[in-house]
């Protein structure tokens, strides 16, 4: 997933791979190999009211 973020994609390949390796080590060492990322989706619906004449 991290490879899809534009900031990471814009990095030179060597820098990007170094970053991803560091993050992988952190996730393995501190979080047991798993990180959960949650998303919130919100839907708002409205109606237009016809103008009075």
PDB file of N, CA and C in Angstrom:
ATOM      1  N   UNK A   1       0.813  -1.184   0.000  1.00  0.00           N
ATOM      2  CA  UNK A   1       0.000   0.000   0.000  1.00  0.00           C
ATOM      3  C   UNK A   1       0.869   1.267   0.000  1.00  0.00           C
ATOM      4  N   UNK A   2       1.957   1.241   0.728  1.00  0.00           N
ATOM      5  CA  UNK A   2       2.798   2.435   0.806  1.00  0.00           C
ATOM      6  C   UNK A   2       3.341   2.851  -0.559  1.00  0.00           C
ATOM      7  N   UNK A   3       3.479   1.907  -1.455  1.00  0.00           N
ATOM      8  CA  UNK A   3       3.992   2.231  -2.797  1.00  0.00           C
ATOM      9  C   UNK A   3       2.987   3.049  -3.608  1.00  0.00           C
ATOM     10  N   UNK A   4       1.734   3.145  -3.155  1.00  0.00           N
ATOM     11  CA  UNK A   4       0.723   3.869  -3.915  1.00  0.00           C
ATOM     12  C   UNK A   4       0.661   5.353  -3.559  1.00  0.00           C
ATOM     13  N   UNK A   5       1.263   5.770  -2.451  1.00  0.00           N
ATOM     14  CA  UNK A   5       1.232   7.184  -2.059  1.00  0.00           C
ATOM     15  C   UNK A   5       2.142   8.002  -2.975  1.00  0.00           C
ATOM     16  N   UNK A   6       1.635   9.123  -3.465  1.00  0.00           N
ATOM     17  CA  UNK A   6       2.376   9.904  -4.459  1.00  0.00           C
ATOM     18  C   UNK A   6       3.726  10.381  -3.940  1.00  0.00           C
ATOM     19  N   UNK A   7       3.803  10.734  -2.662  1.00  0.00           N
ATOM     20  CA  UNK A   7       5.090  11.164  -2.111  1.00  0.00           C
ATOM     21  C   UNK A   7       6.131  10.070  -2.154  1.00  0.00           C
ATOM     22  N   UNK A   8       5.702   8.846  -1.929  1.00  0.00           N
ATOM     23  CA  UNK A   8       6.625   7.711  -1.984  1.00  0.00           C
ATOM     24  C   UNK A   8       6.973   7.377  -3.423  1.00  0.00           C
ATOM     25  N   UNK A   9       6.004   7.488  -4.314  1.00  0.00           N
ATOM     26  CA  UNK A   9       6.251   7.190  -5.739  1.00  0.00           C
ATOM     27  C   UNK A   9       7.226   8.184  -6.356  1.00  0.00           C
ATOM     28  N   UNK A  10       7.225   9.410  -5.840  1.00  0.00           N
ATOM     29  CA  UNK A  10       8.078  10.456  -6.408  1.00  0.00           C
ATOM     30  C   UNK A  10       9.534  10.326  -5.975  1.00  0.00           C
ATOM     31  N   UNK A  11       9.798   9.531  -4.955  1.00  0.00           N
ATOM     32  CA  UNK A  11      11.172   9.371  -4.484  1.00  0.00           C
ATOM     33  C   UNK A  11      12.012   8.615  -5.511  1.00  0.00           C
ATOM     34  N   UNK A  12      13.308   8.892  -5.542  1.00  0.00           N
ATOM     35  CA  UNK A  12      14.192   8.065  -6.378  1.00  0.00           C
ATOM     36  C   UNK A  12      14.109   6.612  -5.889  1.00  0.00           C
ATOM     37  N   UNK A  13      14.242   5.650  -6.792  1.00  0.00           N
ATOM     38  CA  UNK A  13      14.075   4.241  -6.418  1.00  0.00           C
ATOM     39  C   UNK A  13      14.883   3.809  -5.190  1.00  0.00           C
ATOM     40  N   UNK A  14      16.124   4.206  -5.101  1.00  0.00           N
ATOM     41  CA  UNK A  14      16.956   3.788  -3.975  1.00  0.00           C
ATOM     42  C   UNK A  14      16.430   4.363  -2.658  1.00  0.00           C
ATOM     43  N   UNK A  15      16.011   5.616  -2.657  1.00  0.00           N
ATOM     44  CA  UNK A  15      15.468   6.240  -1.450  1.00  0.00           C
ATOM     45  C   UNK A  15      14.137   5.595  -1.060  1.00  0.00           C
ATOM     46  N   UNK A  16      13.308   5.321  -2.055  1.00  0.00           N
ATOM     47  CA  UNK A  16      12.009   4.698  -1.798  1.00  0.00           C
ATOM     48  C   UNK A  16      12.191   3.312  -1.171  1.00  0.00           C
ATOM     49  N   UNK A  17      13.088   2.512  -1.735  1.00  0.00           N
ATOM     50  CA  UNK A  17      13.315   1.172  -1.192  1.00  0.00           C
ATOM     51  C   UNK A  17      13.886   1.243   0.215  1.00  0.00           C
ATOM     52  N   UNK A  18      14.771   2.207   0.474  1.00  0.00           N
ATOM     53  CA  UNK A  18      15.319   2.379   1.818  1.00  0.00           C
ATOM     54  C   UNK A  18      14.234   2.745   2.814  1.00  0.00           C
ATOM     55  N   UNK A  19      13.354   3.641   2.428  1.00  0.00           N
ATOM     56  CA  UNK A  19      12.235   4.035   3.286  1.00  0.00           C
ATOM     57  C   UNK A  19      11.339   2.846   3.594  1.00  0.00           C
ATOM     58  N   UNK A  20      10.979   2.092   2.549  1.00  0.00           N
ATOM     59  CA  UNK A  20      10.089   0.951   2.737  1.00  0.00           C
ATOM     60  C   UNK A  20      10.732  -0.134   3.596  1.00  0.00           C
ATOM     61  N   UNK A  21      12.023  -0.336   3.462  1.00  0.00           N
ATOM     62  CA  UNK A  21      12.729  -1.309   4.300  1.00  0.00           C
ATOM     63  C   UNK A  21      12.711  -0.876   5.760  1.00  0.00           C
ATOM     64  N   UNK A  22      12.929   0.401   6.023  1.00  0.00           N
ATOM     65  CA  UNK A  22      12.891   0.908   7.401  1.00  0.00           C
ATOM     66  C   UNK A  22      11.494   0.755   8.000  1.00  0.00           C
ATOM     67  N   UNK A  23      10.486   1.069   7.226  1.00  0.00           N
ATOM     68  CA  UNK A  23       9.113   0.938   7.710  1.00  0.00           C
ATOM     69  C   UNK A  23       8.790  -0.529   7.977  1.00  0.00           C
ATOM     70  N   UNK A  24       9.233  -1.419   7.101  1.00  0.00           N
ATOM     71  CA  UNK A  24       8.982  -2.851   7.292  1.00  0.00           C
ATOM     72  C   UNK A  24       9.634  -3.348   8.579  1.00  0.00           C
ATOM     73  N   UNK A  25      10.865  -2.922   8.845  1.00  0.00           N
ATOM     74  CA  UNK A  25      11.539  -3.319  10.083  1.00  0.00           C
ATOM     75  C   UNK A  25      10.788  -2.799  11.301  1.00  0.00           C
ATOM     76  N   UNK A  26      10.322  -1.571  11.243  1.00  0.00           N
ATOM     77  CA  UNK A  26       9.562  -0.987  12.344  1.00  0.00           C
ATOM     78  C   UNK A  26       8.265  -1.772  12.592  1.00  0.00           C
ATOM     79  N   UNK A  27       7.546  -2.069  11.532  1.00  0.00           N
ATOM     80  CA  UNK A  27       6.289  -2.814  11.669  1.00  0.00           C
ATOM     81  C   UNK A  27       6.548  -4.203  12.242  1.00  0.00           C
ATOM     82  N   UNK A  28       7.562  -4.874  11.756  1.00  0.00           N
ATOM     83  CA  UNK A  28       7.890  -6.212  12.264  1.00  0.00           C
ATOM     84  C   UNK A  28       8.315  -6.157  13.728  1.00  0.00           C
ATOM     85  N   UNK A  29       9.189  -5.213  14.055  1.00  0.00           N
ATOM     86  CA  UNK A  29       9.749  -5.152  15.396  1.00  0.00           C
ATOM     87  C   UNK A  29       8.813  -4.626  16.460  1.00  0.00           C
ATOM     88  N   UNK A  30       8.053  -3.620  16.135  1.00  0.00           N
ATOM     89  CA  UNK A  30       7.229  -2.952  17.146  1.00  0.00           C
ATOM     90  C   UNK A  30       5.766  -3.376  17.129  1.00  0.00           C
ATOM     91  N   UNK A  31       5.271  -3.794  15.968  1.00  0.00           N
ATOM     92  CA  UNK A  31       3.834  -4.058  15.843  1.00  0.00           C
ATOM     93  C   UNK A  31       3.518  -5.506  15.455  1.00  0.00           C
ATOM     94  N   UNK A  32       4.457  -6.386  15.604  1.00  0.00           N
ATOM     95  CA  UNK A  32       4.191  -7.797  15.336  1.00  0.00           C
ATOM     96  C   UNK A  32       3.869  -8.124  13.891  1.00  0.00           C
ATOM     97  N   UNK A  33       4.331  -7.287  12.976  1.00  0.00           N
ATOM     98  CA  UNK A  33       4.156  -7.568  11.557  1.00  0.00           C
ATOM     99  C   UNK A  33       2.849  -7.106  10.948  1.00  0.00           C
ATOM    100  N   UNK A  34       2.047  -6.381  11.718  1.00  0.00           N
ATOM    101  CA  UNK A  34       0.744  -5.974  11.181  1.00  0.00           C
ATOM    102  C   UNK A  34       0.369  -4.571  11.661  1.00  0.00           C
ATOM    103  N   UNK A  35      -0.139  -3.767  10.743  1.00  0.00           N
ATOM    104  CA  UNK A  35      -0.659  -2.440  11.061  1.00  0.00           C
ATOM    105  C   UNK A  35      -2.021  -2.334  10.388  1.00  0.00           C
ATOM    106  N   UNK A  36      -3.002  -1.828  11.122  1.00  0.00           N
ATOM    107  CA  UNK A  36      -4.343  -1.650  10.571  1.00  0.00           C
ATOM    108  C   UNK A  36      -4.570  -0.182  10.268  1.00  0.00           C
ATOM    109  N   UNK A  37      -5.004   0.096   9.063  1.00  0.00           N
ATOM    110  CA  UNK A  37      -5.322   1.465   8.662  1.00  0.00           C
ATOM    111  C   UNK A  37      -6.815   1.524   8.426  1.00  0.00           C
ATOM    112  N   UNK A  38      -7.472   2.403   9.133  1.00  0.00           N
ATOM    113  CA  UNK A  38      -8.919   2.529   9.008  1.00  0.00           C
ATOM    114  C   UNK A  38      -9.272   3.719   8.109  1.00  0.00           C
ATOM    115  N   UNK A  39     -10.382   3.585   7.417  1.00  0.00           N
ATOM    116  CA  UNK A  39     -10.892   4.654   6.564  1.00  0.00           C
ATOM    117  C   UNK A  39     -12.300   5.003   7.010  1.00  0.00           C
ATOM    118  N   UNK A  40     -12.634   6.247   6.911  1.00  0.00           N
ATOM    119  CA  UNK A  40     -13.985   6.708   7.205  1.00  0.00           C
ATOM    120  C   UNK A  40     -14.587   7.228   5.908  1.00  0.00           C
ATOM    121  N   UNK A  41     -15.758   6.737   5.585  1.00  0.00           N
ATOM    122  CA  UNK A  41     -16.477   7.203   4.404  1.00  0.00           C
ATOM    123  C   UNK A  41     -17.767   7.847   4.879  1.00  0.00           C
ATOM    124  N   UNK A  42     -18.049   9.011   4.353  1.00  0.00           N
ATOM    125  CA  UNK A  42     -19.245   9.737   4.758  1.00  0.00           C
ATOM    126  C   UNK A  42     -20.039  10.100   3.515  1.00  0.00           C
ATOM    127  N   UNK A  43     -21.332   9.862   3.578  1.00  0.00           N
ATOM    128  CA  UNK A  43     -22.224  10.189   2.471  1.00  0.00           C
ATOM    129  C   UNK A  43     -23.231  11.206   2.959  1.00  0.00           C
ATOM    130  N   UNK A  44     -23.349  12.301   2.241  1.00  0.00           N
ATOM    131  CA  UNK A  44     -24.354  13.317   2.555  1.00  0.00           C
ATOM    132  C   UNK A  44     -25.278  13.448   1.351  1.00  0.00           C
ATOM    133  N   UNK A  45     -26.569  13.445   1.630  1.00  0.00           N
ATOM    134  CA  UNK A  45     -27.573  13.513   0.571  1.00  0.00           C
ATOM    135  C   UNK A  45     -28.477  14.703   0.869  1.00  0.00           C
ATOM    136  N   UNK A  46     -28.816  15.439  -0.170  1.00  0.00           N
ATOM    137  CA  UNK A  46     -29.756  16.543   0.007  1.00  0.00           C
ATOM    138  C   UNK A  46     -30.666  16.632  -1.203  1.00  0.00           C
ATOM    139  N   UNK A  47     -31.759  17.340  -1.020  1.00  0.00           N
ATOM    140  CA  UNK A  47     -32.721  17.539  -2.091  1.00  0.00           C
ATOM    141  C   UNK A  47     -32.839  19.030  -2.364  1.00  0.00           C
ATOM    142  N   UNK A  48     -33.088  19.344  -3.612  1.00  0.00           N
ATOM    143  CA  UNK A  48     -33.371  20.737  -3.941  1.00  0.00           C
ATOM    144  C   UNK A  48     -34.871  20.948  -3.848  1.00  0.00           C
ATOM    145  N   UNK A  49     -35.240  22.105  -3.407  1.00  0.00           N
ATOM    146  CA  UNK A  49     -36.649  22.447  -3.274  1.00  0.00           C
ATOM    147  C   UNK A  49     -36.989  23.375  -4.453  1.00  0.00           C
ATOM    148  N   UNK A  50     -38.060  23.070  -5.173  1.00  0.00           N
ATOM    149  CA  UNK A  50     -38.426  23.934  -6.301  1.00  0.00           C
ATOM    150  C   UNK A  50     -38.685  25.372  -5.812  1.00  0.00           C
ATOM    151  N   UNK A  51     -38.302  26.330  -6.605  1.00  0.00           N
ATOM    152  CA  UNK A  51     -38.500  27.744  -6.236  1.00  0.00           C
ATOM    153  C   UNK A  51     -39.976  28.080  -6.272  1.00  0.00           C
ATOM    154  N   UNK A  52     -40.422  28.913  -5.343  1.00  0.00           N
ATOM    155  CA  UNK A  52     -41.812  29.373  -5.315  1.00  0.00           C
ATOM    156  C   UNK A  52     -42.014  30.441  -6.365  1.00  0.00           C
ATOM    157  N   UNK A  53     -43.174  30.452  -7.011  1.00  0.00           N
ATOM    158  CA  UNK A  53     -43.442  31.459  -8.045  1.00  0.00           C
ATOM    159  C   UNK A  53     -44.432  32.458  -7.579  1.00  0.00           C
TER     160      UNK A  53
END
